[in-house]
Amino acid sequence: MDKEKNDHKQFLERQLEWCKKQDRIFQQIDIKLHEMKKIAEYSLNHELDSLEIDQLNSQLNELKSEIDFLEKQLKYVVH
């Protein structure tokens, strides 16, 4: 019975670590989404020239790539 309890405890500890990692990834995604929102709001409230538009689009594309990378990390499943 002790072995069964120990195995179950180890399983739950692995699940807890997996959840913590997932939470950290979601936090990073949330930060990047807020950065994207700030860029969008700035664009909406200011008259931008084409150079500024290109720079902000580059920033948005970089943030999107970073989010895509983070999302791929969420797809790994622990059993």
PDB file of N, CA and C in Angstrom:
ATOM      1  N   MET A   1       0.813  -1.201   0.000  1.00  0.00           N
ATOM      2  CA  MET A   1       0.000   0.000   0.000  1.00  0.00           C
ATOM      3  C   MET A   1       0.856   1.265   0.000  1.00  0.00           C
ATOM      4  N   ASP A   2       1.987   1.231   0.719  1.00  0.00           N
ATOM      5  CA  ASP A   2       2.864   2.394   0.757  1.00  0.00           C
ATOM      6  C   ASP A   2       3.418   2.728  -0.619  1.00  0.00           C
ATOM      7  N   LYS A   3       3.751   1.708  -1.383  1.00  0.00           N
ATOM      8  CA  LYS A   3       4.260   1.942  -2.730  1.00  0.00           C
ATOM      9  C   LYS A   3       3.196   2.618  -3.587  1.00  0.00           C
ATOM     10  N   GLU A   4       1.977   2.179  -3.460  1.00  0.00           N
ATOM     11  CA  GLU A   4       0.877   2.771  -4.221  1.00  0.00           C
ATOM     12  C   GLU A   4       0.679   4.241  -3.837  1.00  0.00           C
ATOM     13  N   LYS A   5       0.727   4.535  -2.548  1.00  0.00           N
ATOM     14  CA  LYS A   5       0.595   5.922  -2.092  1.00  0.00           C
ATOM     15  C   LYS A   5       1.761   6.768  -2.582  1.00  0.00           C
ATOM     16  N   ASN A   6       2.956   6.206  -2.522  1.00  0.00           N
ATOM     17  CA  ASN A   6       4.141   6.923  -2.979  1.00  0.00           C
ATOM     18  C   ASN A   6       4.063   7.203  -4.479  1.00  0.00           C
ATOM     19  N   ASP A   7       3.638   6.230  -5.252  1.00  0.00           N
ATOM     20  CA  ASP A   7       3.478   6.413  -6.698  1.00  0.00           C
ATOM     21  C   ASP A   7       2.449   7.495  -6.992  1.00  0.00           C
ATOM     22  N   HIS A   8       1.361   7.456  -6.251  1.00  0.00           N
ATOM     23  CA  HIS A   8       0.303   8.454  -6.457  1.00  0.00           C
ATOM     24  C   HIS A   8       0.812   9.850  -6.086  1.00  0.00           C
ATOM     25  N   LYS A   9       1.562   9.929  -4.985  1.00  0.00           N
ATOM     26  CA  LYS A   9       2.126  11.210  -4.569  1.00  0.00           C
ATOM     27  C   LYS A   9       3.073  11.756  -5.636  1.00  0.00           C
ATOM     28  N   GLN A  10       3.923  10.912  -6.174  1.00  0.00           N
ATOM     29  CA  GLN A  10       4.846  11.342  -7.229  1.00  0.00           C
ATOM     30  C   GLN A  10       4.097  11.795  -8.468  1.00  0.00           C
ATOM     31  N   PHE A  11       3.053  11.088  -8.810  1.00  0.00           N
ATOM     32  CA  PHE A  11       2.224  11.481  -9.948  1.00  0.00           C
ATOM     33  C   PHE A  11       1.640  12.872  -9.719  1.00  0.00           C
ATOM     34  N   LEU A  12       1.090  13.097  -8.540  1.00  0.00           N
ATOM     35  CA  LEU A  12       0.497  14.396  -8.227  1.00  0.00           C
ATOM     36  C   LEU A  12       1.545  15.505  -8.205  1.00  0.00           C
ATOM     37  N   GLU A  13       2.741  15.210  -7.730  1.00  0.00           N
ATOM     38  CA  GLU A  13       3.819  16.201  -7.733  1.00  0.00           C
ATOM     39  C   GLU A  13       4.209  16.572  -9.157  1.00  0.00           C
ATOM     40  N   ARG A  14       4.258  15.581 -10.044  1.00  0.00           N
ATOM     41  CA  ARG A  14       4.564  15.867 -11.465  1.00  0.00           C
ATOM     42  C   ARG A  14       3.458  16.717 -12.089  1.00  0.00           C
ATOM     43  N   GLN A  15       2.233  16.393 -11.758  1.00  0.00           N
ATOM     44  CA  GLN A  15       1.110  17.169 -12.285  1.00  0.00           C
ATOM     45  C   GLN A  15       1.158  18.613 -11.784  1.00  0.00           C
ATOM     46  N   LEU A  16       1.514  18.789 -10.513  1.00  0.00           N
ATOM     47  CA  LEU A  16       1.624  20.127  -9.945  1.00  0.00           C
ATOM     48  C   LEU A  16       2.713  20.923 -10.654  1.00  0.00           C
ATOM     49  N   GLU A  17       3.858  20.317 -10.888  1.00  0.00           N
ATOM     50  CA  GLU A  17       4.942  20.996 -11.605  1.00  0.00           C
ATOM     51  C   GLU A  17       4.519  21.353 -13.025  1.00  0.00           C
ATOM     52  N   TRP A  18       3.815  20.452 -13.668  1.00  0.00           N
ATOM     53  CA  TRP A  18       3.318  20.721 -15.024  1.00  0.00           C
ATOM     54  C   TRP A  18       2.372  21.923 -15.001  1.00  0.00           C
ATOM     55  N   CYS A  19       1.484  21.975 -14.024  1.00  0.00           N
ATOM     56  CA  CYS A  19       0.542  23.090 -13.908  1.00  0.00           C
ATOM     57  C   CYS A  19       1.273  24.405 -13.664  1.00  0.00           C
ATOM     58  N   LYS A  20       2.297  24.366 -12.830  1.00  0.00           N
ATOM     59  CA  LYS A  20       3.080  25.576 -12.567  1.00  0.00           C
ATOM     60  C   LYS A  20       3.766  26.073 -13.836  1.00  0.00           C
ATOM     61  N   LYS A  21       4.295  25.138 -14.606  1.00  0.00           N
ATOM     62  CA  LYS A  21       4.954  25.518 -15.864  1.00  0.00           C
ATOM     63  C   LYS A  21       3.939  26.111 -16.832  1.00  0.00           C
ATOM     64  N   GLN A  22       2.778  25.491 -16.926  1.00  0.00           N
ATOM     65  CA  GLN A  22       1.734  26.001 -17.808  1.00  0.00           C
ATOM     66  C   GLN A  22       1.335  27.417 -17.375  1.00  0.00           C
ATOM     67  N   ASP A  23       1.213  27.623 -16.077  1.00  0.00           N
ATOM     68  CA  ASP A  23       0.836  28.932 -15.555  1.00  0.00           C
ATOM     69  C   ASP A  23       1.871  29.990 -15.925  1.00  0.00           C
ATOM     70  N   ARG A  24       3.156  29.647 -15.818  1.00  0.00           N
ATOM     71  CA  ARG A  24       4.214  30.597 -16.196  1.00  0.00           C
ATOM     72  C   ARG A  24       4.118  30.955 -17.681  1.00  0.00           C
ATOM     73  N   ILE A  25       3.825  29.967 -18.499  1.00  0.00           N
ATOM     74  CA  ILE A  25       3.695  30.222 -19.935  1.00  0.00           C
ATOM     75  C   ILE A  25       2.505  31.144 -20.198  1.00  0.00           C
ATOM     76  N   PHE A  26       1.376  30.880 -19.534  1.00  0.00           N
ATOM     77  CA  PHE A  26       0.209  31.750 -19.703  1.00  0.00           C
ATOM     78  C   PHE A  26       0.503  33.175 -19.240  1.00  0.00           C
ATOM     79  N   GLN A  27       1.273  33.318 -18.187  1.00  0.00           N
ATOM     80  CA  GLN A  27       1.642  34.657 -17.717  1.00  0.00           C
ATOM     81  C   GLN A  27       2.480  35.382 -18.763  1.00  0.00           C
ATOM     82  N   GLN A  28       3.414  34.671 -19.376  1.00  0.00           N
ATOM     83  CA  GLN A  28       4.249  35.283 -20.416  1.00  0.00           C
ATOM     84  C   GLN A  28       3.396  35.688 -21.617  1.00  0.00           C
ATOM     85  N   ILE A  29       2.461  34.838 -21.988  1.00  0.00           N
ATOM     86  CA  ILE A  29       1.564  35.167 -23.103  1.00  0.00           C
ATOM     87  C   ILE A  29       0.747  36.405 -22.759  1.00  0.00           C
ATOM     88  N   ASP A  30       0.241  36.468 -21.537  1.00  0.00           N
ATOM     89  CA  ASP A  30      -0.565  37.608 -21.105  1.00  0.00           C
ATOM     90  C   ASP A  30       0.230  38.913 -21.195  1.00  0.00           C
ATOM     91  N   ILE A  31       1.472  38.880 -20.777  1.00  0.00           N
ATOM     92  CA  ILE A  31       2.328  40.071 -20.851  1.00  0.00           C
ATOM     93  C   ILE A  31       2.481  40.524 -22.300  1.00  0.00           C
ATOM     94  N   LYS A  32       2.722  39.587 -23.190  1.00  0.00           N
ATOM     95  CA  LYS A  32       2.914  39.931 -24.602  1.00  0.00           C
ATOM     96  C   LYS A  32       1.624  40.463 -25.229  1.00  0.00           C
ATOM     97  N   LEU A  33       0.488  39.895 -24.847  1.00  0.00           N
ATOM     98  CA  LEU A  33      -0.793  40.396 -25.350  1.00  0.00           C
ATOM     99  C   LEU A  33      -1.052  41.820 -24.869  1.00  0.00           C
ATOM    100  N   HIS A  34      -0.672  42.136 -23.639  1.00  0.00           N
ATOM    101  CA  HIS A  34      -0.828  43.501 -23.144  1.00  0.00           C
ATOM    102  C   HIS A  34       0.083  44.465 -23.909  1.00  0.00           C
ATOM    103  N   GLU A  35       1.282  44.015 -24.249  1.00  0.00           N
ATOM    104  CA  GLU A  35       2.176  44.844 -25.057  1.00  0.00           C
ATOM    105  C   GLU A  35       1.541  45.115 -26.421  1.00  0.00           C
ATOM    106  N   MET A  36       0.941  44.084 -27.000  1.00  0.00           N
ATOM    107  CA  MET A  36       0.289  44.256 -28.300  1.00  0.00           C
ATOM    108  C   MET A  36      -0.886  45.232 -28.187  1.00  0.00           C
ATOM    109  N   LYS A  37      -1.624  45.144 -27.101  1.00  0.00           N
ATOM    110  CA  LYS A  37      -2.754  46.046 -26.888  1.00  0.00           C
ATOM    111  C   LYS A  37      -2.269  47.486 -26.791  1.00  0.00           C
ATOM    112  N   LYS A  38      -1.163  47.711 -26.063  1.00  0.00           N
ATOM    113  CA  LYS A  38      -0.622  49.063 -25.935  1.00  0.00           C
ATOM    114  C   LYS A  38      -0.226  49.630 -27.303  1.00  0.00           C
ATOM    115  N   ILE A  39       0.379  48.782 -28.125  1.00  0.00           N
ATOM    116  CA  ILE A  39       0.770  49.224 -29.468  1.00  0.00           C
ATOM    117  C   ILE A  39      -0.469  49.584 -30.283  1.00  0.00           C
ATOM    118  N   ALA A  40      -1.485  48.744 -30.201  1.00  0.00           N
ATOM    119  CA  ALA A  40      -2.716  49.003 -30.955  1.00  0.00           C
ATOM    120  C   ALA A  40      -3.387  50.294 -30.479  1.00  0.00           C
ATOM    121  N   GLU A  41      -3.452  50.494 -29.176  1.00  0.00           N
ATOM    122  CA  GLU A  41      -4.063  51.713 -28.647  1.00  0.00           C
ATOM    123  C   GLU A  41      -3.253  52.955 -29.036  1.00  0.00           C
ATOM    124  N   TYR A  42      -1.942  52.834 -28.991  1.00  0.00           N
ATOM    125  CA  TYR A  42      -1.086  53.945 -29.396  1.00  0.00           C
ATOM    126  C   TYR A  42      -1.342  54.288 -30.865  1.00  0.00           C
ATOM    127  N   SER A  43      -1.439  53.274 -31.691  1.00  0.00           N
ATOM    128  CA  SER A  43      -1.679  53.487 -33.121  1.00  0.00           C
ATOM    129  C   SER A  43      -3.018  54.165 -33.361  1.00  0.00           C
ATOM    130  N   LEU A  44      -3.984  53.790 -32.582  1.00  0.00           N
ATOM    131  CA  LEU A  44      -5.324  54.346 -32.728  1.00  0.00           C
ATOM    132  C   LEU A  44      -5.372  55.818 -32.336  1.00  0.00           C
ATOM    133  N   ASN A  45      -4.575  56.193 -31.357  1.00  0.00           N
ATOM    134  CA  ASN A  45      -4.656  57.544 -30.793  1.00  0.00           C
ATOM    135  C   ASN A  45      -3.633  58.532 -31.354  1.00  0.00           C
ATOM    136  N   HIS A  46      -2.798  58.100 -32.297  1.00  0.00           N
ATOM    137  CA  HIS A  46      -1.771  58.986 -32.841  1.00  0.00           C
ATOM    138  C   HIS A  46      -1.761  58.939 -34.361  1.00  0.00           C
ATOM    139  N   GLU A  47      -1.382  60.059 -34.922  1.00  0.00           N
ATOM    140  CA  GLU A  47      -1.163  60.119 -36.368  1.00  0.00           C
ATOM    141  C   GLU A  47       0.241  59.572 -36.633  1.00  0.00           C
ATOM    142  N   LEU A  48       0.322  58.493 -37.394  1.00  0.00           N
ATOM    143  CA  LEU A  48       1.603  57.843 -37.618  1.00  0.00           C
ATOM    144  C   LEU A  48       2.018  57.977 -39.077  1.00  0.00           C
ATOM    145  N   ASP A  49       3.316  58.160 -39.286  1.00  0.00           N
ATOM    146  CA  ASP A  49       3.811  58.130 -40.661  1.00  0.00           C
ATOM    147  C   ASP A  49       4.115  56.677 -41.036  1.00  0.00           C
ATOM    148  N   SER A  50       4.459  56.454 -42.267  1.00  0.00           N
ATOM    149  CA  SER A  50       4.633  55.076 -42.751  1.00  0.00           C
ATOM    150  C   SER A  50       5.794  54.360 -42.042  1.00  0.00           C
ATOM    151  N   LEU A  51       6.828  55.090 -41.690  1.00  0.00           N
ATOM    152  CA  LEU A  51       7.957  54.483 -40.977  1.00  0.00           C
ATOM    153  C   LEU A  51       7.518  53.988 -39.600  1.00  0.00           C
ATOM    154  N   GLU A  52       6.761  54.823 -38.887  1.00  0.00           N
ATOM    155  CA  GLU A  52       6.264  54.422 -37.568  1.00  0.00           C
ATOM    156  C   GLU A  52       5.326  53.220 -37.673  1.00  0.00           C
ATOM    157  N   ILE A  53       4.497  53.230 -38.694  1.00  0.00           N
ATOM    158  CA  ILE A  53       3.572  52.110 -38.909  1.00  0.00           C
ATOM    159  C   ILE A  53       4.358  50.822 -39.142  1.00  0.00           C
ATOM    160  N   ASP A  54       5.380  50.900 -39.965  1.00  0.00           N
ATOM    161  CA  ASP A  54       6.215  49.722 -40.233  1.00  0.00           C
ATOM    162  C   ASP A  54       6.905  49.223 -38.961  1.00  0.00           C
ATOM    163  N   GLN A  55       7.414  50.155 -38.167  1.00  0.00           N
ATOM    164  CA  GLN A  55       8.083  49.763 -36.922  1.00  0.00           C
ATOM    165  C   GLN A  55       7.113  49.082 -35.958  1.00  0.00           C
ATOM    166  N   LEU A  56       5.927  49.651 -35.832  1.00  0.00           N
ATOM    167  CA  LEU A  56       4.940  49.064 -34.923  1.00  0.00           C
ATOM    168  C   LEU A  56       4.453  47.703 -35.448  1.00  0.00           C
ATOM    169  N   ASN A  57       4.299  47.595 -36.757  1.00  0.00           N
ATOM    170  CA  ASN A  57       3.917  46.300 -37.330  1.00  0.00           C
ATOM    171  C   ASN A  57       5.001  45.256 -37.080  1.00  0.00           C
ATOM    172  N   SER A  58       6.253  45.666 -37.170  1.00  0.00           N
ATOM    173  CA  SER A  58       7.347  44.737 -36.881  1.00  0.00           C
ATOM    174  C   SER A  58       7.306  44.282 -35.427  1.00  0.00           C
ATOM    175  N   GLN A  59       7.038  45.218 -34.541  1.00  0.00           N
ATOM    176  CA  GLN A  59       6.930  44.866 -33.121  1.00  0.00           C
ATOM    177  C   GLN A  59       5.774  43.889 -32.892  1.00  0.00           C
ATOM    178  N   LEU A  60       4.635  44.161 -33.533  1.00  0.00           N
ATOM    179  CA  LEU A  60       3.483  43.272 -33.389  1.00  0.00           C
ATOM    180  C   LEU A  60       3.790  41.877 -33.940  1.00  0.00           C
ATOM    181  N   ASN A  61       4.455  41.832 -35.081  1.00  0.00           N
ATOM    182  CA  ASN A  61       4.798  40.534 -35.666  1.00  0.00           C
ATOM    183  C   ASN A  61       5.765  39.754 -34.782  1.00  0.00           C
ATOM    184  N   GLU A  62       6.722  40.456 -34.183  1.00  0.00           N
ATOM    185  CA  GLU A  62       7.669  39.806 -33.273  1.00  0.00           C
ATOM    186  C   GLU A  62       6.936  39.255 -32.049  1.00  0.00           C
ATOM    187  N   LEU A  63       6.043  40.044 -31.476  1.00  0.00           N
ATOM    188  CA  LEU A  63       5.269  39.581 -30.327  1.00  0.00           C
ATOM    189  C   LEU A  63       4.395  38.384 -30.699  1.00  0.00           C
ATOM    190  N   LYS A  64       3.804  38.431 -31.889  1.00  0.00           N
ATOM    191  CA  LYS A  64       2.973  37.310 -32.340  1.00  0.00           C
ATOM    192  C   LYS A  64       3.812  36.041 -32.473  1.00  0.00           C
ATOM    193  N   SER A  65       5.007  36.168 -33.010  1.00  0.00           N
ATOM    194  CA  SER A  65       5.901  35.010 -33.132  1.00  0.00           C
ATOM    195  C   SER A  65       6.260  34.446 -31.753  1.00  0.00           C
ATOM    196  N   GLU A  66       6.511  35.332 -30.821  1.00  0.00           N
ATOM    197  CA  GLU A  66       6.839  34.884 -29.469  1.00  0.00           C
ATOM    198  C   GLU A  66       5.652  34.167 -28.824  1.00  0.00           C
ATOM    199  N   ILE A  67       4.454  34.677 -29.057  1.00  0.00           N
ATOM    200  CA  ILE A  67       3.254  34.034 -28.519  1.00  0.00           C
ATOM    201  C   ILE A  67       3.053  32.672 -29.176  1.00  0.00           C
ATOM    202  N   ASP A  68       3.245  32.595 -30.477  1.00  0.00           N
ATOM    203  CA  ASP A  68       3.115  31.306 -31.174  1.00  0.00           C
ATOM    204  C   ASP A  68       4.082  30.277 -30.582  1.00  0.00           C
ATOM    205  N   PHE A  69       5.306  30.704 -30.318  1.00  0.00           N
ATOM    206  CA  PHE A  69       6.300  29.808 -29.719  1.00  0.00           C
ATOM    207  C   PHE A  69       5.844  29.334 -28.337  1.00  0.00           C
ATOM    208  N   LEU A  70       5.337  30.248 -27.540  1.00  0.00           N
ATOM    209  CA  LEU A  70       4.857  29.893 -26.205  1.00  0.00           C
ATOM    210  C   LEU A  70       3.655  28.945 -26.280  1.00  0.00           C
ATOM    211  N   GLU A  71       2.762  29.206 -27.214  1.00  0.00           N
ATOM    212  CA  GLU A  71       1.588  28.339 -27.359  1.00  0.00           C
ATOM    213  C   GLU A  71       1.979  26.907 -27.711  1.00  0.00           C
ATOM    214  N   LYS A  72       3.016  26.745 -28.497  1.00  0.00           N
ATOM    215  CA  LYS A  72       3.477  25.399 -28.837  1.00  0.00           C
ATOM    216  C   LYS A  72       3.947  24.664 -27.597  1.00  0.00           C
ATOM    217  N   GLN A  73       4.506  25.386 -26.650  1.00  0.00           N
ATOM    218  CA  GLN A  73       4.959  24.762 -25.410  1.00  0.00           C
ATOM    219  C   GLN A  73       3.785  24.272 -24.559  1.00  0.00           C
ATOM    220  N   LEU A  74       2.628  24.869 -24.746  1.00  0.00           N
ATOM    221  CA  LEU A  74       1.443  24.461 -23.985  1.00  0.00           C
ATOM    222  C   LEU A  74       0.878  23.128 -24.460  1.00  0.00           C
ATOM    223  N   LYS A  75       1.212  22.730 -25.668  1.00  0.00           N
ATOM    224  CA  LYS A  75       0.611  21.531 -26.259  1.00  0.00           C
ATOM    225  C   LYS A  75       1.209  20.234 -25.769  1.00  0.00           C
ATOM    226  N   TYR A  76       2.339  20.311 -25.081  1.00  0.00           N
ATOM    227  CA  TYR A  76       2.938  19.095 -24.566  1.00  0.00           C
ATOM    228  C   TYR A  76       2.104  18.569 -23.403  1.00  0.00           C
ATOM    229  N   VAL A  77       1.827  17.284 -23.420  1.00  0.00           N
ATOM    230  CA  VAL A  77       0.976  16.684 -22.400  1.00  0.00           C
ATOM    231  C   VAL A  77       1.818  15.761 -21.522  1.00  0.00           C
ATOM    232  N   VAL A  78       1.599  15.861 -20.225  1.00  0.00           N
ATOM    233  CA  VAL A  78       2.288  14.990 -19.270  1.00  0.00           C
ATOM    234  C   VAL A  78       1.311  13.933 -18.807  1.00  0.00           C
ATOM    235  N   HIS A  79       1.749  12.686 -18.801  1.00  0.00           N
ATOM    236  CA  HIS A  79       0.891  11.583 -18.337  1.00  0.00           C
ATOM    237  C   HIS A  79       1.386  11.053 -17.017  1.00  0.00           C
TER     238      HIS A  79
END
